Amino acid sequence: MTNENKNPTRRDLLKGSLRGASLLGLGSVAGLLAGGSSKDELVWQIDPQKCIACGNCANFCVLKESAVKCVHSHAMCGYCDLCTGFFDPDPINLDTAAENQLCPTAAIKRSFVEDPYFEYTIDEKLCIGCGKCVKGCNAFGNGSLYLQVRHDRCLNCNECSIAAACPSQAFTRVPAHQPYLLKDL
């Protein structure tokens, strides 16, 4: 066997250059397509202006515990002694006893601030997304309680079962970089 050291011809150099340019072009196109597809990933969210607090969020989520939770806009809250999002519409007393609370899981915590003001906070671990507090707050209060999809829990199903069951069509797709819709003051 002889080891021939063949010099490349002009044709071989041209073929190699064309192959390299083709691969470079394909790589560029693939990079542009990949970059263009991640423009704006969309996630599900509830529009608080459209939500009627129907209770479907607690029942129709594919998860055992709904990804929808109540949130509280403290900037809107009046810190009322008689909070219609916390208390049953006709409370026996204005205390934290279970028979006086609107929330079936006691997810809303009431803390005394100063007479006659109380602060209300949501324990999201207990919240089932039923919307009873939201309905009460919107009926007689200032609407500082509202429902939102929590993205650390949401599976971001392609076809959200809660969105399909929502009578007010409050579920919408929003850009993932701005996943929360806030209630207007």
Protein backbone atom coordinates (compact mmCIF):
# COMPACT_ATOMS: atom_id res chain seq x y z
CA MET A 1 0.00 0.00 0.00
CA THR A 2 1.29 3.26 -0.98
CA ASN A 3 0.34 6.36 0.83
CA GLU A 4 -0.60 8.77 -1.88
CA ASN A 5 -0.61 12.39 -0.87
CA LYS A 6 -3.10 13.81 -3.32
CA ASN A 7 -3.34 17.56 -3.69
CA PRO A 8 -6.91 18.87 -3.68
CA THR A 9 -8.17 20.13 -6.97
CA ARG A 10 -10.02 23.32 -7.59
CA ARG A 11 -13.22 21.31 -7.95
CA ASP A 12 -12.73 19.67 -4.52
CA LEU A 13 -12.21 23.06 -2.88
CA LEU A 14 -15.34 24.43 -4.54
CA LYS A 15 -17.45 21.43 -3.41
CA GLY A 16 -16.20 21.79 0.17
CA SER A 17 -16.91 25.52 0.18
CA LEU A 18 -20.46 24.97 -1.11
CA ARG A 19 -21.12 22.29 1.53
CA GLY A 20 -19.85 24.57 4.29
CA ALA A 21 -21.93 27.52 3.04
CA SER A 22 -25.02 25.29 2.82
CA LEU A 23 -24.57 24.04 6.38
CA LEU A 24 -24.01 27.58 7.62
CA GLY A 25 -27.16 28.75 5.82
CA LEU A 26 -29.23 25.87 7.24
CA GLY A 27 -27.95 26.62 10.73
CA SER A 28 -28.87 30.29 10.37
CA VAL A 29 -32.39 29.49 9.16
CA ALA A 30 -32.90 26.99 11.99
CA GLY A 31 -31.70 29.58 14.51
CA LEU A 32 -34.07 32.22 13.14
CA LEU A 33 -37.01 29.82 13.24
CA ALA A 34 -36.23 28.74 16.80
CA GLY A 35 -35.82 32.35 17.91
CA GLY A 36 -39.05 33.42 16.20
CA SER A 37 -41.14 30.65 17.78
CA SER A 38 -40.30 31.70 21.33
CA LYS A 39 -41.48 35.27 20.69
CA ASP A 40 -44.27 35.24 23.24
CA GLU A 41 -45.31 32.08 24.97
CA LEU A 42 -48.90 32.45 26.16
CA VAL A 43 -50.36 31.37 29.50
CA TRP A 44 -53.92 31.27 30.87
CA GLN A 45 -55.17 34.06 33.13
CA ILE A 46 -58.46 35.40 34.48
CA ASP A 47 -59.52 38.90 33.54
CA PRO A 48 -60.72 40.31 36.89
CA GLN A 49 -62.96 42.82 35.07
CA LYS A 50 -64.94 39.95 33.46
CA CYS A 51 -64.91 37.35 36.27
CA ILE A 52 -68.31 36.83 37.94
CA ALA A 53 -66.97 34.48 40.67
CA CYS A 54 -69.25 31.65 39.53
CA GLY A 55 -67.34 28.91 41.40
CA ASN A 56 -66.27 26.97 38.28
CA CYS A 57 -62.59 27.56 39.01
CA ALA A 58 -62.83 25.31 42.07
CA ASN A 59 -64.62 22.52 40.21
CA PHE A 60 -63.33 22.37 36.64
CA CYS A 61 -59.53 22.53 36.98
CA VAL A 62 -57.81 19.29 35.87
CA LEU A 63 -55.69 19.43 39.02
CA LYS A 64 -56.97 18.00 42.29
CA GLU A 65 -56.41 21.42 43.89
CA SER A 66 -57.31 24.23 41.50
CA ALA A 67 -54.51 26.45 40.16
CA VAL A 68 -56.86 29.42 40.64
CA LYS A 69 -56.45 31.28 43.92
CA CYS A 70 -57.91 34.40 45.44
CA VAL A 71 -55.57 37.39 45.61
CA HIS A 72 -56.01 40.57 47.57
CA SER A 73 -55.16 44.01 46.25
CA HIS A 74 -54.30 45.71 49.53
CA ALA A 75 -54.09 49.09 47.77
CA MET A 76 -57.84 48.86 47.05
CA CYS A 77 -58.92 47.47 50.42
CA GLY A 78 -60.82 49.59 52.93
CA TYR A 79 -59.72 47.37 55.86
CA CYS A 80 -63.36 47.37 56.99
CA ASP A 81 -64.57 45.96 60.27
CA LEU A 82 -67.45 44.37 58.35
CA CYS A 83 -65.71 42.91 55.29
CA THR A 84 -68.25 41.37 52.90
CA GLY A 85 -65.51 39.20 51.41
CA PHE A 86 -64.73 37.71 54.83
CA PHE A 87 -68.08 37.57 56.61
CA ASP A 88 -71.21 35.68 55.74
CA PRO A 89 -73.84 38.19 54.50
CA ASP A 90 -75.69 38.00 57.84
CA PRO A 91 -73.02 37.26 60.49
CA ILE A 92 -73.99 36.38 64.03
CA ASN A 93 -70.99 38.34 65.34
CA LEU A 94 -68.07 40.20 63.80
CA ASP A 95 -65.51 37.63 64.92
CA THR A 96 -63.51 34.88 63.22
CA ALA A 97 -65.76 32.00 64.28
CA ALA A 98 -66.39 29.54 61.43
CA GLU A 99 -70.15 30.20 61.35
CA ASN A 100 -69.46 33.87 60.58
CA GLN A 101 -66.93 33.32 57.78
CA LEU A 102 -67.85 33.25 54.10
CA CYS A 103 -64.85 31.15 53.03
CA PRO A 104 -65.57 27.40 53.36
CA THR A 105 -61.89 26.61 54.07
CA ALA A 106 -61.03 29.61 56.29
CA ALA A 107 -58.40 30.73 53.76
CA ILE A 108 -58.91 34.42 54.60
CA LYS A 109 -57.14 35.55 57.76
CA ARG A 110 -58.31 38.64 59.63
CA SER A 111 -55.84 40.63 61.77
CA PHE A 112 -56.63 43.65 63.90
CA VAL A 113 -54.81 46.84 62.81
CA GLU A 114 -56.47 49.55 64.91
CA ASP A 115 -60.06 50.39 65.72
CA PRO A 116 -62.06 49.96 63.41
CA TYR A 117 -59.57 48.55 60.85
CA PHE A 118 -58.63 44.96 60.07
CA GLU A 119 -56.21 43.51 57.56
CA TYR A 120 -57.31 40.52 55.46
CA THR A 121 -54.77 38.12 53.94
CA ILE A 122 -55.21 34.99 51.84
CA ASP A 123 -53.65 31.66 52.80
CA GLU A 124 -53.26 30.24 49.28
CA LYS A 125 -52.63 26.73 50.60
CA LEU A 126 -56.20 26.71 51.93
CA CYS A 127 -57.83 28.60 49.04
CA ILE A 128 -59.80 26.37 46.64
CA GLY A 129 -60.70 29.12 44.15
CA CYS A 130 -64.45 28.96 44.84
CA GLY A 131 -64.86 32.74 44.50
CA LYS A 132 -67.31 33.19 47.40
CA CYS A 133 -65.13 35.90 48.93
CA VAL A 134 -64.75 37.60 45.54
CA LYS A 135 -68.50 37.63 45.00
CA GLY A 136 -69.06 39.11 48.48
CA CYS A 137 -66.33 41.72 48.05
CA ASN A 138 -67.69 42.79 44.65
CA ALA A 139 -71.30 42.91 45.84
CA PHE A 140 -70.84 45.26 48.80
CA GLY A 141 -67.14 46.06 49.00
CA ASN A 142 -64.64 47.70 46.74
CA GLY A 143 -63.53 44.60 44.83
CA SER A 144 -60.09 44.21 46.38
CA LEU A 145 -60.44 40.39 46.33
CA TYR A 146 -60.25 38.67 42.92
CA LEU A 147 -59.23 35.36 41.35
CA GLN A 148 -56.00 34.69 39.45
CA VAL A 149 -54.34 31.63 37.93
CA ARG A 150 -51.18 30.85 39.87
CA HIS A 151 -48.58 29.78 37.31
CA ASP A 152 -46.46 27.83 39.77
CA ARG A 153 -49.42 25.41 39.99
CA CYS A 154 -50.99 25.66 36.51
CA LEU A 155 -50.18 23.01 33.91
CA ASN A 156 -50.93 25.56 31.15
CA CYS A 157 -53.11 23.04 29.32
CA ASN A 158 -53.54 23.76 25.65
CA GLU A 159 -57.31 23.64 26.20
CA CYS A 160 -58.06 24.84 29.72
CA SER A 161 -61.09 23.06 31.17
CA ILE A 162 -61.93 26.02 33.41
CA ALA A 163 -61.80 28.38 30.42
CA ALA A 164 -64.22 26.09 28.55
CA ALA A 165 -66.62 26.14 31.54
CA CYS A 166 -66.33 29.88 32.25
CA PRO A 167 -69.76 31.51 31.63
CA SER A 168 -68.34 35.04 31.43
CA GLN A 169 -65.39 34.11 29.17
CA ALA A 170 -63.04 35.70 31.70
CA PHE A 171 -60.20 33.28 30.86
CA THR A 172 -57.77 34.63 28.33
CA ARG A 173 -54.27 33.95 27.05
CA VAL A 174 -51.64 36.49 28.06
CA PRO A 175 -47.89 36.72 27.35
CA ALA A 176 -45.84 34.62 29.80
CA HIS A 177 -43.57 37.59 30.53
CA GLN A 178 -46.65 39.47 31.92
CA PRO A 179 -48.72 36.58 33.36
CA TYR A 180 -51.01 38.51 35.74
CA LEU A 181 -53.91 40.80 34.98
CA LEU A 182 -54.42 43.26 37.80
CA LYS A 183 -57.70 44.76 38.84
CA ASP A 184 -58.11 48.45 38.05
CA LEU A 185 -58.22 50.81 41.00
